[in-house]
Amino acid sequence: MTIRAILFDLDGTLIDQFQPIYKSFSQVISQMGFPVPSFDTVKKSVGGASEKTMSKLIGEEHAKEAVQLLRPIFEKEMFNGVFELPGASELLSFCQQKKIKTAVLTNKHGPHARAVCEYLNFIPPLEFVIGADDTEWKKPDIELSQITLNKIGLGPEETIYIGDSPYDAQTAKNIGMRCCLVSTGTHTVDELKNTSAYSIDPDLFTLMNNRIHPLVTSK
């Protein structure tokens, strides 16, 4: 199989933004009168869009209000403590050298996702970033994946999705993409073993050397 494109999840895959996420969520939850959860509790809840995360933390009935409060707070905090995960720049550079198209498909709010990718100089080589609220769908909806593939101009058999969670494995499975997972985000290797992932690695360096190199053929 010739791989011509790689789609990436963002949080826990290319970047670690959990410190500003936790600080922002904690402020909102405290402001709304709820007990502030631990860092690990918030981190484990991330993976869907912000409203889904808030639903897990304070209940579905309060989630919409919480997200409205969250966005301006997060926009002030979003770069305080964010960093790229080991191997991110190297893998993006490798793909660029091999003429492999790259893009981000995430459930992070689209404008926030693009802002952090620009801040970390991922655009370019990333061609585009699609996030929550850019369409009416969210991962793992097949419609969102199809829009992303249409935009990058390739089919699922020529594309790999790289993520860090069961959401990502299901996103890829729903449209017939091969999925490679890393345990740098919200789940351990053992927690990812029951997914449909093609591979599970501890970090992007290992993934690049052991999985991507053998699959990639230069155009």
Protein backbone atom coordinates (compact mmCIF):
# COMPACT_ATOMS: atom_id res chain seq x y z
CA MET A 1 0.00 0.00 0.00
CA THR A 2 1.33 3.41 -0.98
CA ILE A 3 0.67 6.11 1.62
CA ARG A 4 0.13 9.53 0.09
CA ALA A 5 -1.42 11.38 3.06
CA ILE A 6 -1.35 11.35 6.84
CA LEU A 7 -4.10 12.92 8.93
CA PHE A 8 -3.32 13.76 12.55
CA ASP A 9 -5.32 14.17 15.70
CA LEU A 10 -4.00 17.15 17.69
CA ASP A 11 -4.15 16.99 21.51
CA GLY A 12 -2.05 14.13 22.81
CA THR A 13 -0.79 13.31 19.32
CA LEU A 14 1.07 16.33 17.91
CA ILE A 15 0.81 18.63 20.94
CA ASP A 16 0.49 18.65 24.72
CA GLN A 17 -1.91 21.45 25.67
CA PHE A 18 -3.24 19.81 28.80
CA GLN A 19 -1.92 22.44 31.22
CA PRO A 20 -3.83 25.35 29.64
CA ILE A 21 -6.83 23.06 29.07
CA TYR A 22 -6.87 22.11 32.75
CA LYS A 23 -6.41 25.69 33.95
CA SER A 24 -9.24 26.95 31.73
CA PHE A 25 -11.65 24.12 32.56
CA SER A 26 -10.91 24.50 36.27
CA GLN A 27 -11.68 28.22 36.21
CA VAL A 28 -15.02 27.66 34.50
CA ILE A 29 -16.04 24.74 36.71
CA SER A 30 -15.16 26.69 39.85
CA GLN A 31 -16.99 29.78 38.54
CA MET A 32 -20.11 27.67 38.03
CA GLY A 33 -19.95 26.41 41.61
CA PHE A 34 -18.82 22.84 41.01
CA PRO A 35 -15.90 21.11 42.75
CA VAL A 36 -12.71 21.45 40.71
CA PRO A 37 -11.67 18.03 39.31
CA SER A 38 -8.10 16.76 39.34
CA PHE A 39 -5.72 17.26 36.43
CA ASP A 40 -5.90 13.54 35.58
CA THR A 41 -9.70 13.58 35.61
CA VAL A 42 -9.82 16.46 33.11
CA LYS A 43 -7.11 14.90 30.94
CA LYS A 44 -8.97 11.59 30.79
CA SER A 45 -12.16 13.41 29.78
CA VAL A 46 -10.59 15.15 26.76
CA GLY A 47 -11.06 13.56 23.35
CA GLY A 48 -14.46 14.69 22.18
CA ALA A 49 -15.35 18.32 21.63
CA SER A 50 -15.34 20.71 24.62
CA GLU A 51 -19.07 20.27 25.22
CA LYS A 52 -18.65 16.50 25.49
CA THR A 53 -15.74 16.96 27.91
CA MET A 54 -17.79 19.35 30.06
CA SER A 55 -20.69 16.87 30.02
CA LYS A 56 -18.43 14.25 31.55
CA LEU A 57 -17.18 16.66 34.21
CA ILE A 58 -20.29 18.58 35.32
CA GLY A 59 -23.24 17.00 33.52
CA GLU A 60 -24.84 17.39 30.13
CA GLU A 61 -27.38 19.96 31.32
CA HIS A 62 -24.60 22.44 32.22
CA ALA A 63 -22.24 21.76 29.32
CA LYS A 64 -23.44 24.37 26.79
CA GLU A 65 -23.27 27.19 29.32
CA ALA A 66 -19.83 26.02 30.43
CA VAL A 67 -18.45 26.03 26.89
CA GLN A 68 -19.67 29.61 26.35
CA LEU A 69 -17.71 30.65 29.44
CA LEU A 70 -14.74 28.50 28.49
CA ARG A 71 -13.77 29.89 25.11
CA PRO A 72 -12.66 33.42 26.10
CA ILE A 73 -10.81 32.04 29.12
CA PHE A 74 -9.06 29.39 27.05
CA GLU A 75 -8.07 31.95 24.43
CA LYS A 76 -6.14 33.84 27.13
CA GLU A 77 -4.47 30.67 28.44
CA MET A 78 -4.04 28.53 25.34
CA PHE A 79 -0.34 29.11 24.71
CA ASN A 80 0.75 29.08 28.39
CA GLY A 81 2.48 25.72 28.71
CA VAL A 82 1.63 24.23 25.32
CA PHE A 83 4.41 22.29 23.59
CA GLU A 84 4.86 19.95 20.66
CA LEU A 85 5.26 16.30 21.47
CA PRO A 86 8.56 14.54 20.70
CA GLY A 87 8.78 13.53 17.07
CA ALA A 88 6.06 15.87 15.81
CA SER A 89 8.26 18.25 13.83
CA GLU A 90 10.47 15.40 12.65
CA LEU A 91 7.53 13.38 11.32
CA LEU A 92 6.00 16.41 9.60
CA SER A 93 9.38 17.22 8.02
CA PHE A 94 9.80 13.61 6.88
CA CYS A 95 6.38 13.69 5.23
CA GLN A 96 7.20 16.98 3.54
CA GLN A 97 10.45 15.53 2.17
CA LYS A 98 8.62 12.47 0.87
CA LYS A 99 5.82 14.57 -0.63
CA ILE A 100 3.26 13.02 1.71
CA LYS A 101 0.35 15.38 2.31
CA THR A 102 -0.44 16.14 5.96
CA ALA A 103 -3.42 17.73 7.71
CA VAL A 104 -5.12 17.79 11.11
CA LEU A 105 -8.55 16.31 11.83
CA THR A 106 -9.50 17.12 15.43
CA ASN A 107 -12.44 17.66 17.75
CA LYS A 108 -10.76 20.75 19.19
CA HIS A 109 -12.60 23.98 18.31
CA GLY A 110 -11.39 24.74 14.79
CA PRO A 111 -10.09 28.31 15.32
CA HIS A 112 -8.23 27.20 18.47
CA ALA A 113 -6.72 24.23 16.64
CA ARG A 114 -5.48 26.41 13.81
CA ALA A 115 -4.11 29.01 16.22
CA VAL A 116 -1.99 26.51 18.13
CA CYS A 117 -0.73 24.88 14.93
CA GLU A 118 0.37 28.28 13.65
CA TYR A 119 1.93 29.11 17.03
CA LEU A 120 4.03 25.92 16.89
CA ASN A 121 4.93 26.46 13.20
CA PHE A 122 3.08 23.37 12.00
CA ILE A 123 1.45 25.38 9.17
CA PRO A 124 3.19 24.69 6.86
CA PRO A 125 3.94 21.78 6.45
CA LEU A 126 0.34 20.98 7.46
CA GLU A 127 -1.88 21.83 4.52
CA PHE A 128 -4.98 22.55 6.61
CA VAL A 129 -6.65 21.98 9.98
CA ILE A 130 -10.28 20.87 10.36
CA GLY A 131 -11.80 21.03 13.84
CA ALA A 132 -15.05 21.13 15.75
CA ASP A 133 -17.58 23.69 14.49
CA ASP A 134 -15.92 23.90 11.06
CA THR A 135 -18.69 21.52 9.96
CA GLU A 136 -21.84 20.17 11.57
CA TRP A 137 -20.07 16.88 12.35
CA LYS A 138 -17.47 15.71 14.84
CA LYS A 139 -15.21 12.65 15.06
CA PRO A 140 -15.90 9.79 14.62
CA ASP A 141 -18.66 10.79 12.14
CA ILE A 142 -17.86 9.44 8.71
CA GLU A 143 -19.14 12.65 7.06
CA LEU A 144 -16.38 14.69 8.71
CA SER A 145 -13.72 12.21 7.62
CA GLN A 146 -15.05 12.24 4.06
CA ILE A 147 -14.93 16.05 3.94
CA THR A 148 -11.33 15.90 5.13
CA LEU A 149 -10.34 13.30 2.54
CA ASN A 150 -12.09 15.27 -0.21
CA LYS A 151 -10.15 18.36 0.82
CA ILE A 152 -6.81 16.55 0.76
CA GLY A 153 -7.75 14.90 -2.53
CA LEU A 154 -7.11 11.24 -1.68
CA GLY A 155 -9.00 8.12 -0.65
CA PRO A 156 -8.93 6.24 2.66
CA GLU A 157 -6.78 3.44 1.25
CA GLU A 158 -4.00 5.96 0.56
CA THR A 159 -4.28 7.70 3.93
CA ILE A 160 -3.25 6.96 7.52
CA TYR A 161 -4.84 8.52 10.58
CA ILE A 162 -2.57 9.05 13.59
CA GLY A 163 -4.13 9.62 17.00
CA ASP A 164 -4.00 8.76 20.67
CA SER A 165 -7.45 7.46 21.61
CA PRO A 166 -10.23 4.98 20.83
CA TYR A 167 -12.10 7.93 19.23
CA ASP A 168 -9.32 8.12 16.67
CA ALA A 169 -9.32 4.39 15.98
CA GLN A 170 -13.09 4.50 15.45
CA THR A 171 -12.81 7.57 13.23
CA ALA A 172 -10.42 5.72 10.93
CA LYS A 173 -12.34 2.45 11.03
CA ASN A 174 -15.63 4.10 10.05
CA ILE A 175 -14.23 5.26 6.71
CA GLY A 176 -11.73 2.47 6.05
CA MET A 177 -8.49 4.26 6.93
CA ARG A 178 -5.58 2.56 8.62
CA CYS A 179 -5.04 4.01 12.12
CA CYS A 180 -1.78 4.26 14.05
CA LEU A 181 -2.02 5.21 17.71
CA VAL A 182 0.51 6.65 20.16
CA SER A 183 0.25 6.59 23.96
CA THR A 184 1.40 10.20 24.45
CA GLY A 185 -2.11 11.47 25.20
CA THR A 186 -5.03 10.27 27.25
CA HIS A 187 -4.56 6.49 27.05
CA THR A 188 -1.82 3.98 27.81
CA VAL A 189 -0.66 1.28 25.41
CA ASP A 190 -2.65 -1.31 27.38
CA GLU A 191 -5.80 0.83 27.22
CA LEU A 192 -5.46 1.07 23.43
CA LYS A 193 -4.98 -2.63 22.77
CA ASN A 194 -8.71 -3.32 22.39
CA THR A 195 -9.09 -0.83 19.53
CA SER A 196 -9.00 -1.57 15.80
CA ALA A 197 -5.68 0.27 15.40
CA TYR A 198 -3.13 -1.02 12.92
CA SER A 199 -0.36 -0.21 15.40
CA ILE A 200 0.20 1.22 18.89
CA ASP A 201 3.48 2.92 19.75
CA PRO A 202 4.82 4.86 22.75
CA ASP A 203 5.64 8.02 20.75
CA LEU A 204 5.86 9.54 17.29
CA PHE A 205 9.58 8.77 16.92
CA THR A 206 8.91 5.04 17.31
CA LEU A 207 5.89 5.27 15.03
CA MET A 208 7.86 7.08 12.34
CA ASN A 209 10.79 4.66 12.40
CA ASN A 210 8.87 1.39 12.77
CA ARG A 211 5.60 2.01 10.91
CA ILE A 212 5.68 5.04 8.62
CA HIS A 213 9.04 4.45 6.95
CA PRO A 214 8.07 0.98 5.69
CA LEU A 215 4.65 2.17 4.46
CA VAL A 216 5.73 5.33 2.66
CA THR A 217 6.69 5.34 -1.00
CA SER A 218 7.81 8.62 -2.50
CA LYS A 219 5.76 9.86 -5.42
